[in-house]
């Protein structure tokens, strides 16, 4: 938790991007590749890498380093990924399906 920035310069289509959520949970400013589920995982709580060219990545990292940490905002965002919230979302969707069958 001593780091200010976490970068995930993935070249693989990450299915979800839990590693990005872990970075947010540690209070880091997060920079991720614009691939797979990484953008969806961080929402508007980080920076997206359009490409992995070194100069471009360095400029995005500088922005992340120069931006003050907003830990309260990150923690509020992460609540949607809490297991109780996810379970409730699944239940709500199941109830919708059941109610449409009747």
N, C-alpha and C. Protein backbone atom coordinates (compact mmCIF):
# COMPACT_ATOMS: atom_id res chain seq x y z
N UNK A 1 0.80 -1.20 0.00
CA UNK A 1 0.00 0.00 0.00
C UNK A 1 0.85 1.26 0.00
N UNK A 2 2.12 1.13 -0.24
CA UNK A 2 3.00 2.30 -0.26
C UNK A 2 3.14 2.90 -1.64
N UNK A 3 2.55 2.27 -2.64
CA UNK A 3 2.70 2.73 -4.01
C UNK A 3 1.57 3.68 -4.38
N UNK A 4 1.86 4.60 -5.27
CA UNK A 4 0.86 5.58 -5.69
C UNK A 4 0.16 5.16 -6.98
N UNK A 5 0.88 4.44 -7.84
CA UNK A 5 0.34 4.07 -9.14
C UNK A 5 0.53 2.58 -9.40
N UNK A 6 -0.47 1.98 -10.03
CA UNK A 6 -0.36 0.60 -10.49
C UNK A 6 -0.64 0.61 -11.99
N UNK A 7 0.20 -0.08 -12.75
CA UNK A 7 0.01 -0.15 -14.19
C UNK A 7 -0.18 -1.61 -14.61
N UNK A 8 -1.17 -1.83 -15.47
CA UNK A 8 -1.44 -3.16 -16.02
C UNK A 8 -1.39 -3.02 -17.55
N UNK A 9 -0.18 -3.10 -18.13
CA UNK A 9 -0.04 -2.93 -19.58
C UNK A 9 -0.24 -4.25 -20.31
N UNK A 10 -1.40 -4.82 -20.14
CA UNK A 10 -1.67 -6.15 -20.67
C UNK A 10 -1.80 -6.15 -22.19
N UNK A 11 -1.24 -7.17 -22.81
CA UNK A 11 -1.43 -7.38 -24.25
C UNK A 11 -2.48 -8.47 -24.48
N UNK A 12 -2.93 -9.08 -23.41
CA UNK A 12 -3.91 -10.15 -23.44
C UNK A 12 -5.29 -9.57 -23.14
N UNK A 13 -6.32 -10.15 -23.70
CA UNK A 13 -7.69 -9.73 -23.44
C UNK A 13 -8.11 -10.23 -22.05
N UNK A 14 -7.78 -9.47 -21.03
CA UNK A 14 -8.14 -9.84 -19.66
C UNK A 14 -9.66 -10.05 -19.59
N UNK A 15 -10.11 -11.21 -19.09
CA UNK A 15 -11.55 -11.46 -19.03
C UNK A 15 -12.30 -10.47 -18.14
N UNK A 16 -11.72 -10.11 -17.01
CA UNK A 16 -12.40 -9.16 -16.14
C UNK A 16 -11.48 -8.05 -15.67
N UNK A 17 -10.40 -8.36 -15.08
CA UNK A 17 -9.49 -7.33 -14.62
C UNK A 17 -9.47 -7.14 -13.12
N UNK A 18 -9.57 -8.25 -12.39
CA UNK A 18 -9.57 -8.15 -10.94
C UNK A 18 -8.29 -7.51 -10.41
N UNK A 19 -7.19 -7.69 -11.12
CA UNK A 19 -5.93 -7.08 -10.68
C UNK A 19 -6.07 -5.55 -10.64
N UNK A 20 -6.84 -4.98 -11.55
CA UNK A 20 -7.06 -3.53 -11.53
C UNK A 20 -7.88 -3.13 -10.30
N UNK A 21 -8.87 -3.95 -9.95
CA UNK A 21 -9.65 -3.68 -8.74
C UNK A 21 -8.78 -3.76 -7.50
N UNK A 22 -7.85 -4.71 -7.49
CA UNK A 22 -6.94 -4.83 -6.35
C UNK A 22 -6.08 -3.58 -6.23
N UNK A 23 -5.66 -3.02 -7.35
CA UNK A 23 -4.91 -1.77 -7.31
C UNK A 23 -5.73 -0.64 -6.73
N UNK A 24 -6.99 -0.53 -7.16
CA UNK A 24 -7.88 0.48 -6.59
C UNK A 24 -8.06 0.27 -5.10
N UNK A 25 -8.25 -0.99 -4.69
CA UNK A 25 -8.45 -1.31 -3.28
C UNK A 25 -7.25 -0.93 -2.43
N UNK A 26 -6.07 -0.95 -3.03
CA UNK A 26 -4.86 -0.54 -2.32
C UNK A 26 -4.68 0.97 -2.34
N UNK A 27 -5.61 1.67 -2.98
CA UNK A 27 -5.55 3.13 -3.00
C UNK A 27 -4.70 3.71 -4.11
N UNK A 28 -4.30 2.88 -5.06
CA UNK A 28 -3.44 3.36 -6.16
C UNK A 28 -4.26 4.04 -7.25
N UNK A 29 -3.61 4.98 -7.93
CA UNK A 29 -4.12 5.43 -9.22
C UNK A 29 -3.77 4.31 -10.19
N UNK A 30 -4.73 3.89 -10.99
CA UNK A 30 -4.56 2.70 -11.83
C UNK A 30 -4.54 3.08 -13.31
N UNK A 31 -3.57 2.51 -14.02
CA UNK A 31 -3.41 2.69 -15.46
C UNK A 31 -3.50 1.30 -16.08
N UNK A 32 -4.43 1.11 -17.02
CA UNK A 32 -4.61 -0.21 -17.63
C UNK A 32 -4.67 -0.12 -19.14
N UNK A 33 -4.37 -1.24 -19.78
CA UNK A 33 -4.54 -1.35 -21.23
C UNK A 33 -6.02 -1.28 -21.56
N UNK A 34 -6.31 -0.77 -22.73
CA UNK A 34 -7.69 -0.70 -23.21
C UNK A 34 -8.02 -2.03 -23.88
N UNK A 35 -8.01 -3.10 -23.07
CA UNK A 35 -8.20 -4.45 -23.60
C UNK A 35 -9.07 -5.25 -22.64
N UNK A 36 -9.89 -6.11 -23.21
CA UNK A 36 -10.68 -7.03 -22.40
C UNK A 36 -11.55 -6.31 -21.39
N UNK A 37 -11.59 -6.85 -20.18
CA UNK A 37 -12.42 -6.31 -19.13
C UNK A 37 -11.77 -5.24 -18.27
N UNK A 38 -10.52 -4.89 -18.56
CA UNK A 38 -9.83 -3.90 -17.74
C UNK A 38 -10.53 -2.54 -17.73
N UNK A 39 -10.92 -1.99 -18.87
CA UNK A 39 -11.61 -0.70 -18.83
C UNK A 39 -12.92 -0.75 -18.03
N UNK A 40 -13.66 -1.83 -18.19
CA UNK A 40 -14.92 -1.98 -17.45
C UNK A 40 -14.65 -2.08 -15.95
N UNK A 41 -13.58 -2.75 -15.59
CA UNK A 41 -13.26 -2.93 -14.17
C UNK A 41 -12.98 -1.61 -13.48
N UNK A 42 -12.24 -0.72 -14.11
CA UNK A 42 -11.88 0.53 -13.42
C UNK A 42 -12.89 1.65 -13.65
N UNK A 43 -13.76 1.50 -14.65
CA UNK A 43 -14.72 2.57 -14.92
C UNK A 43 -13.99 3.87 -15.21
N UNK A 44 -14.42 4.94 -14.54
CA UNK A 44 -13.74 6.23 -14.72
C UNK A 44 -12.79 6.52 -13.56
N UNK A 45 -12.26 5.45 -12.98
CA UNK A 45 -11.36 5.57 -11.82
C UNK A 45 -9.91 5.32 -12.18
N UNK A 46 -9.52 5.62 -13.39
CA UNK A 46 -8.15 5.39 -13.79
C UNK A 46 -7.90 5.88 -15.20
N UNK A 47 -6.81 5.44 -15.76
CA UNK A 47 -6.39 5.85 -17.10
C UNK A 47 -6.31 4.63 -17.99
N UNK A 48 -6.71 4.82 -19.25
CA UNK A 48 -6.65 3.74 -20.24
C UNK A 48 -5.50 3.99 -21.20
N UNK A 49 -4.76 2.94 -21.47
CA UNK A 49 -3.67 3.00 -22.43
C UNK A 49 -4.19 2.61 -23.81
N UNK A 50 -4.14 3.53 -24.74
CA UNK A 50 -4.56 3.24 -26.11
C UNK A 50 -3.53 2.40 -26.84
N UNK A 51 -2.27 2.52 -26.43
CA UNK A 51 -1.20 1.72 -27.02
C UNK A 51 -0.11 1.53 -25.98
N UNK A 52 0.85 0.70 -26.29
CA UNK A 52 1.91 0.38 -25.32
C UNK A 52 3.26 0.93 -25.76
N UNK A 53 3.25 2.01 -26.52
CA UNK A 53 4.50 2.66 -26.90
C UNK A 53 5.11 3.33 -25.67
N UNK A 54 6.41 3.16 -25.45
CA UNK A 54 7.05 3.67 -24.23
C UNK A 54 6.82 5.15 -23.95
N UNK A 55 6.95 6.02 -24.95
CA UNK A 55 6.76 7.46 -24.71
C UNK A 55 5.32 7.77 -24.29
N UNK A 56 4.39 7.12 -24.95
CA UNK A 56 2.98 7.32 -24.62
C UNK A 56 2.69 6.82 -23.20
N UNK A 57 3.17 5.62 -22.88
CA UNK A 57 2.95 5.06 -21.54
C UNK A 57 3.55 5.97 -20.49
N UNK A 58 4.73 6.51 -20.74
CA UNK A 58 5.39 7.41 -19.79
C UNK A 58 4.54 8.65 -19.54
N UNK A 59 3.93 9.20 -20.60
CA UNK A 59 3.11 10.40 -20.42
C UNK A 59 1.86 10.11 -19.59
N UNK A 60 1.25 8.94 -19.81
CA UNK A 60 0.06 8.57 -19.03
C UNK A 60 0.45 8.30 -17.57
N UNK A 61 1.58 7.63 -17.37
CA UNK A 61 2.04 7.38 -16.00
C UNK A 61 2.33 8.68 -15.27
N UNK A 62 2.88 9.66 -15.96
CA UNK A 62 3.15 10.95 -15.33
C UNK A 62 1.86 11.60 -14.87
N UNK A 63 0.81 11.53 -15.71
CA UNK A 63 -0.50 12.07 -15.32
C UNK A 63 -1.00 11.37 -14.06
N UNK A 64 -0.88 10.05 -14.03
CA UNK A 64 -1.35 9.28 -12.86
C UNK A 64 -0.55 9.64 -11.61
N UNK A 65 0.75 9.82 -11.77
CA UNK A 65 1.60 10.19 -10.63
C UNK A 65 1.29 11.59 -10.13
N UNK A 66 0.95 12.49 -11.04
CA UNK A 66 0.69 13.88 -10.67
C UNK A 66 -0.71 14.12 -10.14
N UNK A 67 -1.58 13.12 -10.26
CA UNK A 67 -2.96 13.26 -9.80
C UNK A 67 -3.08 12.82 -8.34
N UNK A 68 -3.66 13.69 -7.50
CA UNK A 68 -3.83 13.30 -6.09
C UNK A 68 -4.69 12.04 -5.97
N UNK A 69 -4.38 11.23 -4.99
CA UNK A 69 -5.16 10.02 -4.72
C UNK A 69 -6.51 10.42 -4.13
N UNK A 70 -7.57 9.79 -4.58
CA UNK A 70 -8.90 10.02 -4.04
C UNK A 70 -9.41 8.67 -3.52
N UNK A 71 -8.90 8.31 -2.36
CA UNK A 71 -9.18 6.98 -1.80
C UNK A 71 -10.66 6.80 -1.50
N UNK A 72 -11.32 7.84 -0.98
CA UNK A 72 -12.75 7.72 -0.67
C UNK A 72 -13.56 7.38 -1.93
N UNK A 73 -13.24 8.03 -3.02
CA UNK A 73 -13.95 7.76 -4.28
C UNK A 73 -13.70 6.34 -4.74
N UNK A 74 -12.46 5.88 -4.62
CA UNK A 74 -12.12 4.51 -5.03
C UNK A 74 -12.89 3.49 -4.18
N UNK A 75 -12.93 3.72 -2.87
CA UNK A 75 -13.62 2.78 -1.98
C UNK A 75 -15.12 2.75 -2.26
N UNK A 76 -15.69 3.92 -2.55
CA UNK A 76 -17.12 3.96 -2.88
C UNK A 76 -17.39 3.19 -4.17
N UNK A 77 -16.54 3.36 -5.17
CA UNK A 77 -16.68 2.65 -6.44
C UNK A 77 -16.58 1.14 -6.23
N UNK A 78 -15.64 0.71 -5.39
CA UNK A 78 -15.40 -0.72 -5.19
C UNK A 78 -16.56 -1.43 -4.49
N UNK A 79 -17.44 -0.69 -3.83
CA UNK A 79 -18.58 -1.32 -3.14
C UNK A 79 -19.45 -2.13 -4.10
N UNK A 80 -19.51 -1.71 -5.36
CA UNK A 80 -20.33 -2.45 -6.32
C UNK A 80 -19.79 -3.84 -6.60
N UNK A 81 -18.53 -4.08 -6.23
CA UNK A 81 -17.91 -5.39 -6.46
C UNK A 81 -17.87 -6.24 -5.19
N UNK A 82 -18.46 -5.74 -4.11
CA UNK A 82 -18.52 -6.51 -2.87
C UNK A 82 -19.40 -7.74 -3.12
N UNK A 83 -19.04 -8.86 -2.51
CA UNK A 83 -19.76 -10.11 -2.78
C UNK A 83 -21.25 -10.00 -2.47
N UNK A 84 -21.63 -9.26 -1.45
CA UNK A 84 -23.05 -9.10 -1.15
C UNK A 84 -23.77 -8.33 -2.26
N UNK A 85 -23.11 -7.31 -2.77
CA UNK A 85 -23.71 -6.51 -3.84
C UNK A 85 -23.86 -7.35 -5.12
N UNK A 86 -22.83 -8.12 -5.43
CA UNK A 86 -22.89 -8.97 -6.63
C UNK A 86 -23.99 -10.02 -6.48
N UNK A 87 -24.09 -10.64 -5.30
CA UNK A 87 -25.14 -11.64 -5.06
C UNK A 87 -26.52 -11.00 -5.20
N UNK A 88 -26.69 -9.80 -4.66
CA UNK A 88 -27.98 -9.12 -4.76
C UNK A 88 -28.33 -8.79 -6.21
N UNK A 89 -27.33 -8.39 -6.97
CA UNK A 89 -27.55 -8.09 -8.39
C UNK A 89 -28.01 -9.34 -9.14
N UNK A 90 -27.37 -10.48 -8.87
CA UNK A 90 -27.80 -11.74 -9.49
C UNK A 90 -29.24 -12.08 -9.10
N UNK A 91 -29.55 -11.95 -7.81
CA UNK A 91 -30.91 -12.25 -7.35
C UNK A 91 -31.93 -11.35 -8.04
N UNK A 92 -31.63 -10.07 -8.13
CA UNK A 92 -32.55 -9.14 -8.79
C UNK A 92 -32.81 -9.54 -10.24
N UNK A 93 -31.75 -9.95 -10.93
CA UNK A 93 -31.91 -10.38 -12.33
C UNK A 93 -32.74 -11.65 -12.42
N UNK A 94 -32.54 -12.58 -11.49
CA UNK A 94 -33.34 -13.82 -11.48
C UNK A 94 -34.80 -13.52 -11.21
N UNK A 95 -35.07 -12.61 -10.26
CA UNK A 95 -36.46 -12.23 -9.98
C UNK A 95 -37.12 -11.61 -11.21
N UNK A 96 -36.37 -10.81 -11.95
CA UNK A 96 -36.91 -10.22 -13.18
C UNK A 96 -37.28 -11.30 -14.19
N UNK A 97 -36.39 -12.29 -14.34
CA UNK A 97 -36.67 -13.38 -15.28
C UNK A 97 -37.90 -14.17 -14.86
N UNK A 98 -38.00 -14.47 -13.58
CA UNK A 98 -39.14 -15.24 -13.07
C UNK A 98 -40.43 -14.46 -13.25
N UNK A 99 -40.41 -13.17 -12.96
CA UNK A 99 -41.63 -12.37 -13.07
C UNK A 99 -42.09 -12.22 -14.52
N UNK A 100 -41.18 -12.29 -15.48
CA UNK A 100 -41.56 -12.21 -16.89
C UNK A 100 -42.14 -13.53 -17.41
N UNK A 101 -41.87 -14.63 -16.72
CA UNK A 101 -42.42 -15.93 -17.13
C UNK A 101 -43.88 -16.06 -16.74
N UNK A 102 -44.30 -15.33 -15.74
CA UNK A 102 -45.68 -15.44 -15.24
C UNK A 102 -46.62 -14.54 -15.98
